[in-house]
C-alpha atoms as a PDB file:
ATOM      1  CA  MET A   1     -27.194  28.894 -55.569  1.00  0.00           C
ATOM      2  CA  SER A   2     -30.678  27.768 -55.046  1.00  0.00           C
ATOM      3  CA  ALA A   3     -33.064  30.199 -53.465  1.00  0.00           C
ATOM      4  CA  ARG A   4     -34.843  29.118 -50.337  1.00  0.00           C
ATOM      5  CA  ARG A   5     -38.522  28.638 -50.583  1.00  0.00           C
ATOM      6  CA  PRO A   6     -40.537  30.161 -47.785  1.00  0.00           C
ATOM      7  CA  VAL A   7     -42.165  27.581 -45.543  1.00  0.00           C
ATOM      8  CA  ASP A   8     -45.901  27.863 -45.230  1.00  0.00           C
ATOM      9  CA  VAL A   9     -46.417  27.238 -41.495  1.00  0.00           C
ATOM     10  CA  ARG A  10     -50.181  27.550 -41.759  1.00  0.00           C
ATOM     11  CA  GLY A  11     -50.349  24.888 -44.397  1.00  0.00           C
ATOM     12  CA  TRP A  12     -48.119  22.585 -42.399  1.00  0.00           C
ATOM     13  CA  LEU A  13     -50.074  23.030 -39.160  1.00  0.00           C
ATOM     14  CA  GLY A  14     -53.327  22.753 -41.055  1.00  0.00           C
ATOM     15  CA  GLY A  15     -52.296  19.314 -42.316  1.00  0.00           C
ATOM     16  CA  ILE A  16     -52.071  17.924 -38.772  1.00  0.00           C
ATOM     17  CA  ARG A  17     -55.357  16.449 -37.693  1.00  0.00           C
ATOM     18  CA  LEU A  18     -55.776  15.948 -33.943  1.00  0.00           C
ATOM     19  CA  SER A  19     -58.750  14.322 -32.442  1.00  0.00           C
ATOM     20  CA  GLY A  20     -59.901  14.870 -28.869  1.00  0.00           C
ATOM     21  CA  PHE A  21     -58.851  11.331 -27.934  1.00  0.00           C
ATOM     22  CA  MET A  22     -55.335  11.930 -29.301  1.00  0.00           C
ATOM     23  CA  VAL A  23     -54.958  15.156 -27.297  1.00  0.00           C
ATOM     24  CA  ILE A  24     -56.074  13.415 -24.093  1.00  0.00           C
ATOM     25  CA  MET A  25     -53.674  10.492 -24.672  1.00  0.00           C
ATOM     26  CA  LEU A  26     -50.789  12.857 -25.436  1.00  0.00           C
ATOM     27  CA  GLY A  27     -51.564  14.770 -22.220  1.00  0.00           C
ATOM     28  CA  LEU A  28     -51.597  11.520 -20.219  1.00  0.00           C
ATOM     29  CA  VAL A  29     -48.227  10.470 -21.656  1.00  0.00           C
ATOM     30  CA  VAL A  30     -46.670  13.838 -20.752  1.00  0.00           C
ATOM     31  CA  LEU A  31     -48.216  13.684 -17.247  1.00  0.00           C
ATOM     32  CA  ALA A  32     -46.943  10.121 -16.771  1.00  0.00           C
ATOM     33  CA  ALA A  33     -43.445  11.226 -17.809  1.00  0.00           C
ATOM     34  CA  PHE A  34     -43.493  14.076 -15.245  1.00  0.00           C
ATOM     35  CA  VAL A  35     -44.699  11.720 -12.516  1.00  0.00           C
ATOM     36  CA  LEU A  36     -42.501   8.708 -13.266  1.00  0.00           C
ATOM     37  CA  VAL A  37     -39.117  10.313 -14.048  1.00  0.00           C
ATOM     38  CA  PRO A  38     -38.438  11.500 -10.452  1.00  0.00           C
ATOM     39  CA  THR A  39     -39.781   8.226  -9.083  1.00  0.00           C
ATOM     40  CA  ILE A  40     -37.467   6.202 -11.322  1.00  0.00           C
ATOM     41  CA  GLY A  41     -34.508   8.386 -10.293  1.00  0.00           C
ATOM     42  CA  THR A  42     -35.325   7.810  -6.630  1.00  0.00           C
ATOM     43  CA  TYR A  43     -35.660   4.078  -7.259  1.00  0.00           C
ATOM     44  CA  VAL A  44     -32.235   3.911  -8.950  1.00  0.00           C
ATOM     45  CA  ASP A  45     -30.607   5.911  -6.116  1.00  0.00           C
ATOM     46  CA  GLN A  46     -32.150   3.643  -3.494  1.00  0.00           C
ATOM     47  CA  ARG A  47     -30.999   0.513  -5.354  1.00  0.00           C
ATOM     48  CA  GLN A  48     -27.436   1.884  -5.419  1.00  0.00           C
ATOM     49  CA  GLN A  49     -27.606   2.622  -1.687  1.00  0.00           C
ATOM     50  CA  ILE A  50     -28.934  -0.864  -0.971  1.00  0.00           C
ATOM     51  CA  THR A  51     -26.120  -2.421  -3.007  1.00  0.00           C
ATOM     52  CA  ALA A  52     -23.501  -0.341  -1.174  1.00  0.00           C
ATOM     53  CA  LEU A  53     -24.985  -1.239   2.217  1.00  0.00           C
ATOM     54  CA  GLU A  54     -25.105  -4.944   1.318  1.00  0.00           C
ATOM     55  CA  ALA A  55     -21.412  -4.782   0.355  1.00  0.00           C
ATOM     56  CA  ALA A  56     -20.625  -3.044   3.677  1.00  0.00           C
ATOM     57  CA  VAL A  57     -22.560  -5.699   5.598  1.00  0.00           C
ATOM     58  CA  GLN A  58     -20.695  -8.474   3.783  1.00  0.00           C
ATOM     59  CA  LEU A  59     -17.368  -6.781   4.545  1.00  0.00           C
ATOM     60  CA  SER A  60     -18.346  -6.496   8.215  1.00  0.00           C
ATOM     61  CA  ARG A  61     -19.330 -10.177   8.290  1.00  0.00           C
ATOM     62  CA  ASP A  62     -15.946 -11.107   6.813  1.00  0.00           C
ATOM     63  CA  GLU A  63     -14.168  -8.992   9.442  1.00  0.00           C
ATOM     64  CA  VAL A  64     -16.218 -10.594  12.226  1.00  0.00           C
ATOM     65  CA  ALA A  65     -15.375 -14.064  10.887  1.00  0.00           C
ATOM     66  CA  ASP A  66     -11.656 -13.170  10.795  1.00  0.00           C
ATOM     67  CA  LEU A  67     -11.776 -11.812  14.351  1.00  0.00           C
ATOM     68  CA  GLU A  68     -13.597 -14.892  15.596  1.00  0.00           C
ATOM     69  CA  ALA A  69     -10.996 -17.133  13.943  1.00  0.00           C
ATOM     70  CA  GLN A  70      -8.253 -15.072  15.560  1.00  0.00           C
ATOM     71  CA  ARG A  71      -9.980 -15.351  18.935  1.00  0.00           C
ATOM     72  CA  GLU A  72     -10.154 -19.117  18.503  1.00  0.00           C
ATOM     73  CA  ARG A  73      -6.430 -19.231  17.715  1.00  0.00           C
ATOM     74  CA  TRP A  74      -5.659 -17.262  20.882  1.00  0.00           C
ATOM     75  CA  GLN A  75      -7.539 -19.899  22.913  1.00  0.00           C
ATOM     76  CA  ASP A  76      -4.904 -22.471  21.908  1.00  0.00           C
ATOM     77  CA  PRO A  77      -1.947 -22.556  24.373  1.00  0.00           C
ATOM     78  CA  ALA A  78       0.439 -23.653  21.614  1.00  0.00           C
ATOM     79  CA  TYR A  79      -0.413 -20.549  19.568  1.00  0.00           C
ATOM     80  CA  ILE A  80       0.111 -18.297  22.590  1.00  0.00           C
ATOM     81  CA  THR A  81       3.499 -19.916  23.236  1.00  0.00           C
ATOM     82  CA  THR A  82       4.516 -19.512  19.605  1.00  0.00           C
ATOM     83  CA  GLN A  83       3.496 -15.848  19.557  1.00  0.00           C
ATOM     84  CA  ALA A  84       5.360 -15.129  22.804  1.00  0.00           C
ATOM     85  CA  ARG A  85       8.503 -16.776  21.439  1.00  0.00           C
ATOM     86  CA  GLU A  86       8.337 -14.952  18.080  1.00  0.00           C
ATOM     87  CA  ARG A  87       7.178 -11.498  19.162  1.00  0.00           C
ATOM     88  CA  LEU A  88       8.693 -11.147  22.623  1.00  0.00           C
ATOM     89  CA  TYR A  89      11.673 -13.508  22.263  1.00  0.00           C
ATOM     90  CA  TYR A  90      10.590 -15.585  25.251  1.00  0.00           C
ATOM     91  CA  VAL A  91      12.541 -18.791  25.755  1.00  0.00           C
ATOM     92  CA  LYS A  92      12.126 -21.803  27.952  1.00  0.00           C
ATOM     93  CA  PRO A  93      14.633 -22.324  30.757  1.00  0.00           C
ATOM     94  CA  GLY A  94      17.845 -23.863  29.467  1.00  0.00           C
ATOM     95  CA  GLU A  95      17.326 -22.849  25.826  1.00  0.00           C
ATOM     96  CA  VAL A  96      19.916 -20.812  23.982  1.00  0.00           C
ATOM     97  CA  VAL A  97      18.638 -18.259  21.492  1.00  0.00           C
ATOM     98  CA  TYR A  98      20.715 -16.880  18.661  1.00  0.00           C
ATOM     99  CA  LEU A  99      19.557 -13.614  17.148  1.00  0.00           C
ATOM    100  CA  VAL A 100      20.877 -13.008  13.651  1.00  0.00           C
ATOM    101  CA  ASP A 101      21.674  -9.383  12.975  1.00  0.00           C
ATOM    102  CA  ASN A 102      21.864  -8.018   9.417  1.00  0.00           C
ATOM    103  CA  ASP A 103      20.089 -11.013   7.959  1.00  0.00           C
ATOM    104  CA  LEU A 104      18.807  -9.023   4.981  1.00  0.00           C
ATOM    105  CA  PRO A 105      20.148  -9.806   1.526  1.00  0.00           C
ATOM    106  CA  PRO A 106      22.601  -7.172   0.249  1.00  0.00           C
ATOM    107  CA  GLU A 107      20.087  -5.603  -2.151  1.00  0.00           C
ATOM    108  CA  LEU A 108      17.623  -4.952   0.707  1.00  0.00           C
ATOM    109  CA  ALA A 109      20.202  -3.685   3.213  1.00  0.00           C
ATOM    110  CA  PRO A 110      20.154   0.086   3.806  1.00  0.00           C
ATOM    111  CA  GLN A 111      22.814   1.845   1.798  1.00  0.00           C
ATOM    112  CA  GLU A 112      25.315   4.356   3.183  1.00  0.00           C
ATOM    113  CA  GLN A 113      24.154   7.895   2.614  1.00  0.00           C
ATOM    114  CA  ALA A 114      26.434  10.644   1.393  1.00  0.00           C
ATOM    115  CA  PRO A 115      27.227  13.400   3.885  1.00  0.00           C
ATOM    116  CA  VAL A 116      24.721  16.217   3.977  1.00  0.00           C
ATOM    117  CA  SER A 117      27.270  18.912   3.187  1.00  0.00           C
ATOM    118  CA  ASP A 118      30.998  19.263   2.829  1.00  0.00           C
ATOM    119  CA  GLN A 119      30.881  22.686   4.505  1.00  0.00           C
ATOM    120  CA  VAL A 120      29.372  21.702   7.855  1.00  0.00           C
ATOM    121  CA  GLU A 121      31.477  22.979  10.703  1.00  0.00           C
ATOM    122  CA  ALA A 122      31.037  23.105  14.450  1.00  0.00           C
ATOM    123  CA  ALA A 123      30.166  26.561  15.755  1.00  0.00           C
ATOM    124  CA  HIS A 124      32.568  27.841  18.399  1.00  0.00           C
ATOM    125  CA  THR A 125      30.137  30.051  20.306  1.00  0.00           C
ATOM    126  CA  ASP A 126      28.548  30.121  23.716  1.00  0.00           C
ATOM    127  CA  TRP A 127      24.916  29.303  23.094  1.00  0.00           C
ATOM    128  CA  MET A 128      23.800  30.467  26.528  1.00  0.00           C
ATOM    129  CA  SER A 129      25.098  34.008  26.054  1.00  0.00           C
ATOM    130  CA  GLN A 130      23.489  34.157  22.601  1.00  0.00           C
ATOM    131  CA  LEU A 131      20.164  33.036  24.094  1.00  0.00           C
ATOM    132  CA  VAL A 132      20.302  35.671  26.860  1.00  0.00           C
ATOM    133  CA  ARG A 133      21.303  38.362  24.340  1.00  0.00           C
ATOM    134  CA  SER A 134      18.449  37.377  22.008  1.00  0.00           C
ATOM    135  CA  VAL A 135      15.864  37.461  24.812  1.00  0.00           C
ATOM    136  CA  THR A 136      17.026  40.828  26.159  1.00  0.00           C
ATOM    137  CA  GLU A 137      17.171  42.406  22.693  1.00  0.00           C
ATOM    138  CA  ALA A 138      13.671  41.154  21.945  1.00  0.00           C
ATOM    139  CA  GLY A 139      12.374  42.531  25.240  1.00  0.00           C
ATOM    140  CA  LEU A 140      13.976  45.966  24.753  1.00  0.00           C
ATOM    141  CA  ALA A 141      12.958  46.376  21.099  1.00  0.00           C
ATOM    142  CA  GLN A 142      10.804  49.410  20.391  1.00  0.00           C
ATOM    143  CA  THR A 143       9.176  48.010  17.241  1.00  0.00           C
ATOM    144  CA  VAL A 144       7.959  44.564  16.421  1.00  0.00           C
ATOM    145  CA  ALA A 145       9.425  42.902  13.357  1.00  0.00           C
ATOM    146  CA  PRO A 146       6.839  41.270  11.096  1.00  0.00           C
ATOM    147  CA  ILE A 147       6.664  37.496  11.173  1.00  0.00           C
ATOM    148  CA  THR A 148       8.263  36.162   8.003  1.00  0.00           C
ATOM    149  CA  PHE A 149       7.737  32.411   8.267  1.00  0.00           C
ATOM    150  CA  GLY A 150       7.147  31.068   4.780  1.00  0.00           C
ATOM    151  CA  VAL A 151       7.693  34.481   3.185  1.00  0.00           C
ATOM    152  CA  PRO A 152      10.717  34.732   0.884  1.00  0.00           C
ATOM    153  CA  ASP A 153      13.400  37.165   1.959  1.00  0.00           C
ATOM    154  CA  ASP A 154      13.698  40.416   0.037  1.00  0.00           C
ATOM    155  CA  THR A 155      16.973  40.928  -1.760  1.00  0.00           C
ATOM    156  CA  PRO A 156      19.156  43.441   0.115  1.00  0.00           C
ATOM    157  CA  THR A 157      19.796  46.731  -1.641  1.00  0.00           C
ATOM    158  CA  ASP A 158      23.466  47.078  -0.629  1.00  0.00           C
ATOM    159  CA  PRO A 159      24.919  43.734   0.403  1.00  0.00           C
ATOM    160  CA  ALA A 160      27.947  43.830   2.675  1.00  0.00           C
ATOM    161  CA  PRO A 161      30.973  41.765   1.634  1.00  0.00           C
ATOM    162  CA  THR A 162      31.156  38.512   3.599  1.00  0.00           C
ATOM    163  CA  GLY A 163      34.756  38.866   4.714  1.00  0.00           C
ATOM    164  CA  THR A 164      34.557  42.334   6.343  1.00  0.00           C
ATOM    165  CA  THR A 165      31.932  41.957   9.067  1.00  0.00           C
ATOM    166  CA  GLY A 166      33.692  39.315  11.147  1.00  0.00           C
ATOM    167  CA  GLU A 167      30.852  36.833  10.691  1.00  0.00           C
ATOM    168  CA  THR A 168      30.481  33.642   8.720  1.00  0.00           C
ATOM    169  CA  PRO A 169      27.787  33.417   6.037  1.00  0.00           C
ATOM    170  CA  THR A 170      25.505  31.779   8.615  1.00  0.00           C
ATOM    171  CA  GLY A 171      25.618  34.886  10.817  1.00  0.00           C
ATOM    172  CA  THR A 172      27.748  33.487  13.631  1.00  0.00           C
ATOM    173  CA  PRO A 173      30.790  35.560  14.679  1.00  0.00           C
ATOM    174  CA  THR A 174      34.189  34.116  13.898  1.00  0.00           C
ATOM    175  CA  GLU A 175      36.990  33.937  16.420  1.00  0.00           C
END
């Protein structure tokens, strides 16, 4: 391994010769950098804003030109008649119109969906009595149950078997 030689800082700094003119010029360069850097940044930001605003103005001019062209089309009675016939299915007296239903090609036609569940059954309960019972129980309750919307249910500590309570798994009584 080679040993490092100590650097003689005094000798190195002593070798630099600065004149008064060089110090003044170096100071002016540093001052110019401090003055011009924020100004150049502001200039670049303003140029970007101007470019964005010019693009927005051009887009607005294009939209105005499209709207004016559309307004001109709506001045034409033939265009109005065509739009009324296409959009509102207006017909002239004596004309017969045929509307084609299911005119989509088979690949674009909506497909049959599978049933949601094989276990869906109609509930055989009186919904009015359940509503009245729910309202009266809520009004007579001594404590307020916490709101659990969006909160997962806790697992019960001793689950009751589903066949012994006289209710279906959805909580509706069976007959």
